[in-house]
Protein backbone atom coordinates (compact mmCIF):
# COMPACT_ATOMS: atom_id res chain seq x y z
CA MET A 1 -5.11 21.10 -1.45
CA VAL A 2 -2.02 18.91 -1.25
CA SER A 3 -1.78 16.80 1.85
CA GLU A 4 0.39 14.06 3.25
CA LEU A 5 -0.99 11.11 5.15
CA GLU A 6 0.57 8.07 6.80
CA ARG A 7 -1.21 4.99 8.16
CA ILE A 8 0.08 1.79 9.71
CA VAL A 9 -1.80 -1.32 8.61
CA ARG A 10 -1.54 -5.00 9.60
CA LEU A 11 -1.47 -7.22 6.52
CA ALA A 12 -4.51 -9.52 6.69
CA SER A 13 -3.71 -11.72 3.68
CA THR A 14 -2.63 -15.15 4.93
CA LYS A 15 -0.56 -15.44 1.73
CA GLY A 16 1.38 -12.28 2.57
CA LEU A 17 1.89 -9.60 -0.06
CA HIS A 18 1.58 -11.78 -3.17
CA ALA A 19 1.44 -10.86 -6.88
CA GLU A 20 -2.34 -10.62 -7.15
CA LEU A 21 -2.59 -8.37 -4.10
CA ALA A 22 0.32 -6.25 -5.34
CA SER A 23 -1.45 -5.72 -8.68
CA LYS A 24 -4.62 -4.61 -6.84
CA ILE A 25 -2.57 -2.10 -4.83
CA VAL A 26 -1.03 -0.75 -8.04
CA ALA A 27 -4.47 -0.38 -9.63
CA LEU A 28 -5.80 1.51 -6.60
CA ALA A 29 -2.74 3.74 -6.32
CA GLY A 30 -3.04 4.62 -10.00
CA LYS A 31 -6.61 5.86 -9.61
CA TYR A 32 -5.66 8.79 -7.40
CA ASP A 33 -3.76 12.04 -7.80
CA ALA A 34 -1.22 11.15 -5.14
CA ASP A 35 2.26 9.71 -4.78
CA VAL A 36 1.74 6.54 -2.77
CA GLN A 37 4.46 4.52 -1.10
CA ILE A 38 4.54 1.39 1.04
CA LYS A 39 7.10 1.20 3.84
CA TYR A 40 8.10 -2.09 5.40
CA GLU A 41 11.01 -2.32 7.80
CA ASN A 42 13.60 0.06 6.28
CA GLN A 43 12.39 -0.18 2.68
CA ILE A 44 10.11 2.31 0.94
CA ILE A 45 8.60 1.25 -2.39
CA ASN A 46 6.42 3.12 -4.88
CA ALA A 47 2.92 1.62 -4.61
CA LYS A 48 2.57 1.82 -8.39
CA SER A 49 5.31 -0.82 -8.89
CA VAL A 50 4.17 -4.46 -8.81
CA LEU A 51 7.72 -5.80 -8.75
CA GLY A 52 8.73 -3.33 -6.06
CA LEU A 53 5.82 -4.36 -3.85
CA ILE A 54 6.50 -8.06 -4.33
CA SER A 55 10.17 -7.49 -3.48
CA LEU A 56 9.13 -6.35 0.00
CA ALA A 57 8.08 -9.97 0.75
CA ILE A 58 5.76 -8.88 3.55
CA PRO A 59 4.41 -11.91 5.42
CA TYR A 60 0.95 -12.35 6.94
CA GLY A 61 0.27 -10.34 10.09
CA GLU A 62 3.12 -7.88 9.66
CA ASN A 63 2.67 -4.12 9.98
CA LEU A 64 3.43 -1.87 7.05
CA GLU A 65 2.99 1.84 6.49
CA ILE A 66 1.09 3.50 3.67
CA ILE A 67 2.40 6.99 2.87
CA ALA A 68 0.68 9.27 0.38
CA THR A 69 1.23 12.84 -0.74
CA GLY A 70 -1.09 14.73 -3.08
CA THR A 71 -4.60 16.04 -3.48
CA ASP A 72 -6.12 12.54 -3.20
CA ALA A 73 -3.77 11.27 -0.45
CA GLU A 74 -6.56 10.58 2.03
CA LYS A 75 -8.68 8.64 -0.47
CA ALA A 76 -5.71 6.61 -1.71
CA VAL A 77 -4.56 5.66 1.78
CA GLU A 78 -8.07 4.70 2.88
CA GLU A 79 -8.74 2.47 -0.15
CA ILE A 80 -5.39 0.70 0.12
CA ARG A 81 -5.85 0.33 3.89
CA LYS A 82 -9.22 -1.36 3.32
CA LEU A 83 -7.70 -3.73 0.79
CA LEU A 84 -4.78 -4.74 2.99
CA SER A 85 -6.92 -5.07 6.13
CA LYS A 86 -9.19 -7.74 4.67
CA GLU A 87 -8.48 -11.33 3.82
CA VAL A 88 -7.46 -11.57 0.15
């Protein structure tokens, strides 16, 4: 069953969305059968693009939205939410 899920998350990394964290997001997004995007302010970026994620320049404590569509949307959003909600 294809589903769509959106979650707002506060970025817990005191370094903001940095390269190492972006690569972890890409690895997680790639594990699931879902199209995953990260929305920050008015920009929406494919969560499978390291450079795209870094270009968002999301600072510590900011809210972002995880949007996923596909059979594994719920799993993908939950795993990425856990990653972004902890100190990295």
